[in-house]
Amino acid sequence: MYRQKASRIIEISKILIKEYGGIVPSSLDDLLRLPGVGRKTANIVLHVSFGMEAMAVDTHVQRISNRIGWVDTRNPDATETELVKLLPSYLLGPLNGSMVEFGRSICKPIKPLCASCEIRECCQYFELLVAHQQ
């Protein structure tokens, strides 16, 4: 996919120069108008580049927030909406990176390492797992 990504970067760069005077826009709507930019990418740009409180939802955030019981959603947009309602705004930006790392190392999609998990006592998935084993 590196060719497609390289092509998108060139295309977006041309649009930024032509339509935005070479400046990356700082609004969600403007970012979403750029080709290949979805909500996750736009929210990461808003947080990392502009210090805004924005919730980027990827597969890790989607899976983990549903698994532990924070939300009960079926798609990233719904998850973003619910997390924004649930969490303090200062956590929205940093949460993505933390959950990605947590999802790769502990709360894996298949065979999560619940025995090593520091939050298992407040996790809906772990509660169901324990109940099923009894």
Protein backbone atom coordinates (compact mmCIF):
# COMPACT_ATOMS: atom_id res chain seq x y z
CA MET A 1 0.00 0.00 0.00
CA TYR A 2 3.02 2.28 0.11
CA ARG A 3 2.43 3.37 -3.50
CA GLN A 4 -1.15 4.36 -2.76
CA LYS A 5 -0.07 6.22 0.39
CA ALA A 6 2.69 8.02 -1.49
CA SER A 7 0.19 9.01 -4.17
CA ARG A 8 -2.23 10.32 -1.53
CA ILE A 9 0.51 12.35 0.17
CA ILE A 10 1.38 14.01 -3.14
CA GLU A 11 -2.28 14.63 -3.94
CA ILE A 12 -2.98 16.08 -0.47
CA SER A 13 0.16 18.24 -0.65
CA LYS A 14 -1.05 19.78 -3.90
CA ILE A 15 -4.48 20.48 -2.40
CA LEU A 16 -2.93 22.02 0.73
CA ILE A 17 -0.83 24.37 -1.39
CA LYS A 18 -3.65 25.28 -3.79
CA GLU A 19 -6.60 25.56 -1.41
CA TYR A 20 -5.06 26.19 2.01
CA GLY A 21 -1.96 28.26 1.24
CA GLY A 22 0.30 25.37 2.27
CA ILE A 23 -1.19 25.21 5.76
CA VAL A 24 -2.74 22.04 7.17
CA PRO A 25 -6.31 22.89 8.17
CA SER A 26 -7.24 22.70 11.83
CA SER A 27 -10.91 21.80 11.42
CA LEU A 28 -12.31 18.31 11.30
CA ASP A 29 -14.54 19.11 8.33
CA ASP A 30 -11.67 20.50 6.25
CA LEU A 31 -9.43 17.53 7.08
CA LEU A 32 -12.17 15.08 6.13
CA ARG A 33 -12.43 16.72 2.69
CA LEU A 34 -8.88 15.67 1.91
CA PRO A 35 -8.65 12.45 -0.12
CA GLY A 36 -7.91 9.38 1.96
CA VAL A 37 -8.36 11.17 5.28
CA GLY A 38 -10.94 9.55 7.54
CA ARG A 39 -12.08 10.44 11.03
CA LYS A 40 -9.28 8.53 12.75
CA THR A 41 -6.54 10.28 10.79
CA ALA A 42 -8.24 13.66 11.09
CA ASN A 43 -8.58 13.31 14.86
CA ILE A 44 -4.94 12.26 15.21
CA VAL A 45 -3.87 15.33 13.21
CA LEU A 46 -6.06 17.57 15.37
CA HIS A 47 -4.57 16.17 18.57
CA VAL A 48 -0.92 15.79 17.58
CA SER A 49 -0.54 18.85 15.38
CA PHE A 50 -2.92 21.30 17.02
CA GLY A 51 -3.17 20.04 20.61
CA MET A 52 -6.92 19.66 20.33
CA GLU A 53 -8.93 17.20 22.37
CA ALA A 54 -9.97 14.72 19.68
CA MET A 55 -10.76 11.00 19.95
CA ALA A 56 -9.22 8.81 17.26
CA VAL A 57 -10.94 5.42 17.09
CA ASP A 58 -9.14 2.59 15.35
CA THR A 59 -9.64 -1.18 15.59
CA HIS A 60 -7.87 -1.33 18.97
CA VAL A 61 -9.96 1.43 20.54
CA GLN A 62 -13.12 -0.05 19.03
CA ARG A 63 -12.39 -3.56 20.32
CA ILE A 64 -11.07 -2.66 23.77
CA SER A 65 -13.68 -0.06 24.69
CA ASN A 66 -16.43 -2.55 23.82
CA ARG A 67 -14.66 -5.48 25.45
CA ILE A 68 -14.12 -3.78 28.80
CA GLY A 69 -17.66 -2.41 28.77
CA TRP A 70 -17.17 1.31 28.32
CA VAL A 71 -19.40 1.29 25.24
CA ASP A 72 -21.69 -1.07 23.35
CA THR A 73 -21.20 0.00 19.75
CA ARG A 74 -20.74 -1.60 16.35
CA ASN A 75 -18.70 0.98 14.44
CA PRO A 76 -15.89 3.47 15.07
CA ASP A 77 -18.08 6.57 14.60
CA ALA A 78 -20.52 5.40 17.28
CA THR A 79 -17.61 4.47 19.54
CA GLU A 80 -16.10 7.93 19.12
CA THR A 81 -19.43 9.57 19.98
CA GLU A 82 -19.88 7.47 23.12
CA LEU A 83 -16.28 7.86 24.33
CA VAL A 84 -16.47 11.64 23.93
CA LYS A 85 -19.56 11.60 26.18
CA LEU A 86 -18.00 9.22 28.70
CA LEU A 87 -14.42 10.38 29.16
CA PRO A 88 -12.87 13.62 30.39
CA SER A 89 -11.80 15.67 27.38
CA TYR A 90 -8.12 15.74 28.39
CA LEU A 91 -7.95 11.94 27.91
CA LEU A 92 -9.36 11.88 24.38
CA GLY A 93 -6.15 12.58 22.49
CA PRO A 94 -3.70 10.43 24.46
CA LEU A 95 -6.10 7.50 24.78
CA ASN A 96 -5.60 6.22 21.23
CA GLY A 97 -1.88 5.61 21.60
CA SER A 98 -2.32 3.96 24.98
CA MET A 99 -5.06 1.68 23.75
CA VAL A 100 -3.11 0.72 20.63
CA GLU A 101 -0.17 -0.40 22.76
CA PHE A 102 -2.49 -2.14 25.24
CA GLY A 103 -4.28 -3.89 22.35
CA ARG A 104 -1.04 -5.12 20.83
CA SER A 105 0.51 -6.36 24.05
CA ILE A 106 -2.31 -7.42 26.42
CA CYS A 107 -5.86 -7.08 25.08
CA LYS A 108 -5.20 -8.89 21.81
CA PRO A 109 -8.05 -9.65 19.41
CA ILE A 110 -7.53 -13.39 19.81
CA LYS A 111 -6.43 -14.88 23.12
CA PRO A 112 -6.14 -11.71 25.20
CA LEU A 113 -3.69 -11.99 28.10
CA CYS A 114 -6.26 -11.43 30.85
CA ALA A 115 -4.02 -12.95 33.53
CA SER A 116 -1.46 -10.20 32.86
CA CYS A 117 -4.02 -7.40 32.59
CA GLU A 118 -3.93 -4.69 35.25
CA ILE A 119 -7.55 -3.70 34.65
CA ARG A 120 -9.11 -7.17 34.52
CA GLU A 121 -11.07 -6.61 37.73
CA CYS A 122 -13.11 -3.87 36.05
CA CYS A 123 -13.42 -5.56 32.66
CA GLN A 124 -16.71 -6.92 31.41
CA TYR A 125 -14.96 -9.47 29.17
CA PHE A 126 -12.93 -10.85 32.08
CA GLU A 127 -16.06 -11.08 34.25
CA LEU A 128 -17.78 -13.13 31.55
CA LEU A 129 -14.69 -15.28 31.12
CA VAL A 130 -14.53 -16.05 34.85
CA ALA A 131 -18.28 -16.72 35.02
CA HIS A 132 -18.03 -19.09 32.06
CA GLN A 133 -15.21 -21.04 33.70
CA GLN A 134 -17.22 -21.63 36.90
